[in-house]
Amino acid sequence: MIENLVEAEYTVHDLIRGRWSPRAFSNRTVERDKLLVLLEASRWAASSYNEQPWSFIIASKDEPAEYASLLSCLIEFNQSWAQNAPVLMLSVAKLHFDEDGRENRHAFHDVGAASGNLINQAISLDLFAHQMAGFDVEKARSIFGIPKGWEPVAMIAIGYLGDPQTLPKSLRAKELEPRTRKPLTDFVFMGKWNHPSDLVTD
């Protein structure tokens, strides 16, 4: 059951209304079959020329050495709460097309689309995911032997929702504050840059 649904200005699917990025995770194990469903959802994302330029490095606490390696790549602040998530992942983008070696300038976009599929699928299974930019890219590249032409994109913590009271006070307040978004007029344009479209101003 999806909880904590945001009040959207227009009617959108509950999977979108219920998606958010918690820092409080339960220590409950994420079932293997659910992880496979998340990864299958990512597999069916759209991509430029169907290149599918995404890879994921994943570990659960059932694989302590691999989990510790992923956790060690995070900055200290993110380690402080992500260490409670039962699953950690690293998304990686392939920067060139297979067919002719040309630069794929849409690779990060497509990895984001695959991650978005994964995250929305997670919500449907009562799981949550928190993506993180705060990690050491070069350390990740070194630890996992990520080859030239591939770029680490984001770390992702996955698990069941935990109790915000387990977080430090500063993070607890952030966990409980209302979610907000920019109005459509701030980013939907027509005719020229920064000129709001009539679609969102009428």
Protein backbone atom coordinates (compact mmCIF):
# COMPACT_ATOMS: atom_id res chain seq x y z
CA MET A 1 0.00 0.00 0.00
CA ILE A 2 1.46 3.34 -1.08
CA GLU A 3 1.61 5.88 1.72
CA ASN A 4 2.68 9.50 2.03
CA LEU A 5 1.13 10.48 -1.32
CA VAL A 6 2.02 14.01 -2.40
CA GLU A 7 -0.75 16.42 -3.44
CA ALA A 8 -0.01 16.88 -7.15
CA GLU A 9 -1.47 19.86 -9.01
CA TYR A 10 -2.80 17.52 -11.71
CA THR A 11 -3.86 13.89 -11.45
CA VAL A 12 -0.84 11.61 -11.85
CA HIS A 13 -0.36 7.93 -11.04
CA ASP A 14 0.00 6.99 -7.38
CA LEU A 15 3.40 5.41 -8.13
CA ILE A 16 4.62 8.91 -8.99
CA ARG A 17 2.81 10.60 -6.11
CA GLY A 18 4.24 8.04 -3.69
CA ARG A 19 7.84 8.17 -4.89
CA TRP A 20 10.30 9.90 -2.60
CA SER A 21 13.87 9.41 -1.39
CA PRO A 22 13.95 8.42 2.28
CA ARG A 23 17.08 8.09 4.37
CA ALA A 24 15.49 5.90 7.04
CA PHE A 25 15.57 2.27 5.94
CA SER A 26 14.37 -0.85 7.71
CA ASN A 27 16.84 -3.69 8.24
CA ARG A 28 14.32 -6.03 6.61
CA THR A 29 15.92 -8.07 3.82
CA VAL A 30 14.79 -7.27 0.29
CA GLU A 31 13.65 -10.49 -1.32
CA ARG A 32 15.69 -11.77 -4.27
CA ASP A 33 12.63 -12.05 -6.51
CA LYS A 34 11.76 -8.41 -5.87
CA LEU A 35 15.28 -7.30 -6.77
CA LEU A 36 15.00 -9.25 -10.00
CA VAL A 37 11.72 -7.48 -10.78
CA LEU A 38 13.41 -4.09 -10.23
CA LEU A 39 16.25 -5.00 -12.55
CA GLU A 40 13.83 -6.34 -15.15
CA ALA A 41 11.97 -3.01 -15.02
CA SER A 42 15.23 -1.18 -15.69
CA ARG A 43 15.94 -3.50 -18.63
CA TRP A 44 12.84 -2.30 -20.49
CA ALA A 45 13.60 1.42 -20.37
CA ALA A 46 13.75 3.35 -23.64
CA SER A 47 17.20 4.30 -24.96
CA SER A 48 18.75 6.02 -27.96
CA TYR A 49 19.07 3.49 -30.83
CA ASN A 50 18.07 0.84 -28.27
CA GLU A 51 21.69 0.94 -27.08
CA GLN A 52 20.74 0.20 -23.45
CA PRO A 53 23.93 1.84 -22.14
CA TRP A 54 23.36 0.99 -18.49
CA SER A 55 24.98 -1.42 -16.09
CA PHE A 56 24.45 -1.85 -12.37
CA ILE A 57 26.82 -3.07 -9.67
CA ILE A 58 24.66 -4.42 -6.83
CA ALA A 59 25.17 -5.97 -3.41
CA SER A 60 23.01 -6.74 -0.42
CA LYS A 61 24.08 -7.17 3.18
CA ASP A 62 24.01 -10.90 2.46
CA GLU A 63 27.25 -10.24 0.50
CA PRO A 64 29.14 -8.29 3.19
CA ALA A 65 32.43 -7.79 1.32
CA GLU A 66 30.75 -6.53 -1.86
CA TYR A 67 28.35 -4.39 0.17
CA ALA A 68 31.25 -2.85 2.11
CA SER A 69 33.00 -2.02 -1.16
CA LEU A 70 29.99 -0.10 -2.45
CA LEU A 71 29.44 1.62 0.90
CA SER A 72 33.08 2.74 1.00
CA CYS A 73 32.59 4.72 -2.22
CA LEU A 74 30.01 7.01 -0.61
CA ILE A 75 30.97 10.29 1.01
CA GLU A 76 30.87 10.18 4.81
CA PHE A 77 27.51 11.97 5.07
CA ASN A 78 25.80 9.43 2.81
CA GLN A 79 27.50 6.52 4.54
CA SER A 80 25.99 7.67 7.85
CA TRP A 81 22.47 6.72 6.76
CA ALA A 82 22.90 4.53 3.66
CA GLN A 83 24.69 1.89 5.76
CA ASN A 84 21.24 0.91 7.05
CA ALA A 85 19.84 0.17 3.58
CA PRO A 86 19.86 -3.58 2.87
CA VAL A 87 20.84 -3.10 -0.78
CA LEU A 88 23.27 -0.73 -2.49
CA MET A 89 23.74 -0.23 -6.22
CA LEU A 90 25.95 1.77 -8.53
CA SER A 91 24.66 2.75 -11.97
CA VAL A 92 27.22 3.01 -14.77
CA ALA A 93 26.86 4.51 -18.26
CA LYS A 94 28.52 3.29 -21.46
CA LEU A 95 29.66 6.46 -23.23
CA HIS A 96 29.99 5.20 -26.83
CA PHE A 97 27.77 3.33 -29.26
CA ASP A 98 28.57 -0.33 -29.88
CA GLU A 99 28.10 -0.14 -33.64
CA ASP A 100 30.56 2.57 -34.60
CA GLY A 101 32.20 3.87 -31.41
CA ARG A 102 30.58 7.30 -31.69
CA GLU A 103 30.03 9.23 -28.47
CA ASN A 104 26.59 8.57 -27.03
CA ARG A 105 25.64 11.97 -25.64
CA HIS A 106 22.35 10.51 -24.41
CA ALA A 107 23.94 7.79 -22.27
CA PHE A 108 23.36 9.54 -18.93
CA HIS A 109 19.78 10.34 -19.96
CA ASP A 110 19.17 6.69 -20.78
CA VAL A 111 20.73 5.44 -17.53
CA GLY A 112 18.42 7.86 -15.76
CA ALA A 113 15.44 6.41 -17.63
CA ALA A 114 16.44 2.87 -16.60
CA SER A 115 16.89 4.00 -13.00
CA GLY A 116 13.52 5.74 -13.12
CA ASN A 117 11.86 2.50 -14.22
CA LEU A 118 13.59 0.66 -11.39
CA ILE A 119 12.54 3.23 -8.80
CA ASN A 120 8.89 3.37 -9.84
CA GLN A 121 8.76 -0.42 -9.90
CA ALA A 122 10.18 -0.35 -6.37
CA ILE A 123 7.29 1.82 -5.16
CA SER A 124 4.82 -0.72 -6.54
CA LEU A 125 6.48 -3.36 -4.31
CA ASP A 126 6.50 -1.17 -1.16
CA LEU A 127 10.23 -0.57 -1.60
CA PHE A 128 12.03 2.75 -1.72
CA ALA A 129 15.18 3.91 -3.47
CA HIS A 130 17.39 6.91 -2.78
CA GLN A 131 19.79 7.96 -5.54
CA MET A 132 23.03 9.68 -4.51
CA ALA A 133 25.48 11.88 -6.36
CA GLY A 134 27.75 12.04 -3.31
CA PHE A 135 30.30 9.31 -3.97
CA ASP A 136 33.92 8.98 -5.06
CA VAL A 137 33.81 8.27 -8.79
CA GLU A 138 37.48 7.38 -9.13
CA LYS A 139 37.40 5.09 -6.11
CA ALA A 140 34.41 3.27 -7.59
CA ARG A 141 36.19 2.98 -10.93
CA SER A 142 39.25 1.51 -9.23
CA ILE A 143 37.50 -0.89 -6.82
CA PHE A 144 35.20 -2.39 -9.43
CA GLY A 145 37.55 -2.30 -12.42
CA ILE A 146 35.20 -0.11 -14.46
CA PRO A 147 36.81 0.14 -17.90
CA LYS A 148 37.57 3.19 -19.99
CA GLY A 149 34.50 4.35 -21.88
CA TRP A 150 32.19 3.67 -18.95
CA GLU A 151 31.26 6.29 -16.34
CA PRO A 152 29.88 5.75 -12.81
CA VAL A 153 26.64 7.75 -12.59
CA ALA A 154 24.90 7.38 -9.23
CA MET A 155 24.73 5.28 -6.10
CA ILE A 156 21.32 3.93 -5.11
CA ALA A 157 20.17 2.72 -1.70
CA ILE A 158 17.18 0.34 -1.78
CA GLY A 159 15.02 -1.09 0.97
CA TYR A 160 11.84 -1.01 2.96
CA LEU A 161 10.90 2.19 4.74
CA GLY A 162 12.34 2.57 8.22
CA ASP A 163 11.58 4.68 11.28
CA PRO A 164 12.68 8.34 10.91
CA GLN A 165 13.31 8.41 14.66
CA THR A 166 16.39 6.24 14.07
CA LEU A 167 18.05 9.07 12.13
CA PRO A 168 20.16 11.86 13.67
CA LYS A 169 18.05 14.87 14.60
CA SER A 170 19.19 16.99 11.63
CA LEU A 171 18.27 14.28 9.14
CA ARG A 172 15.05 13.41 10.95
CA ALA A 173 13.65 16.90 10.34
CA LYS A 174 14.49 16.68 6.64
CA GLU A 175 12.88 13.24 6.41
CA LEU A 176 9.57 14.57 7.71
CA GLU A 177 9.35 17.89 5.87
CA PRO A 178 6.78 18.25 3.07
CA ARG A 179 7.96 17.52 -0.47
CA THR A 180 7.83 20.43 -2.90
CA ARG A 181 8.37 20.94 -6.62
CA LYS A 182 8.85 23.93 -8.91
CA PRO A 183 5.70 25.10 -10.71
CA LEU A 184 5.31 24.08 -14.36
CA THR A 185 5.77 27.72 -15.39
CA ASP A 186 9.39 27.53 -14.22
CA PHE A 187 10.42 24.89 -16.75
CA VAL A 188 7.86 24.48 -19.54
CA PHE A 189 8.61 27.06 -22.25
CA MET A 190 7.32 28.11 -25.65
CA GLY A 191 8.78 30.33 -28.37
CA LYS A 192 11.94 31.29 -26.50
CA TRP A 193 13.90 30.37 -23.43
CA ASN A 194 12.29 31.17 -20.10
CA HIS A 195 8.99 32.16 -21.70
CA PRO A 196 6.32 29.98 -20.07
CA SER A 197 4.16 28.02 -22.47
CA ASP A 198 0.52 28.99 -22.82
CA LEU A 199 -0.23 25.39 -21.89
CA VAL A 200 0.78 26.04 -18.28
CA THR A 201 -0.27 29.67 -17.91
CA ASP A 202 -3.92 29.49 -19.01
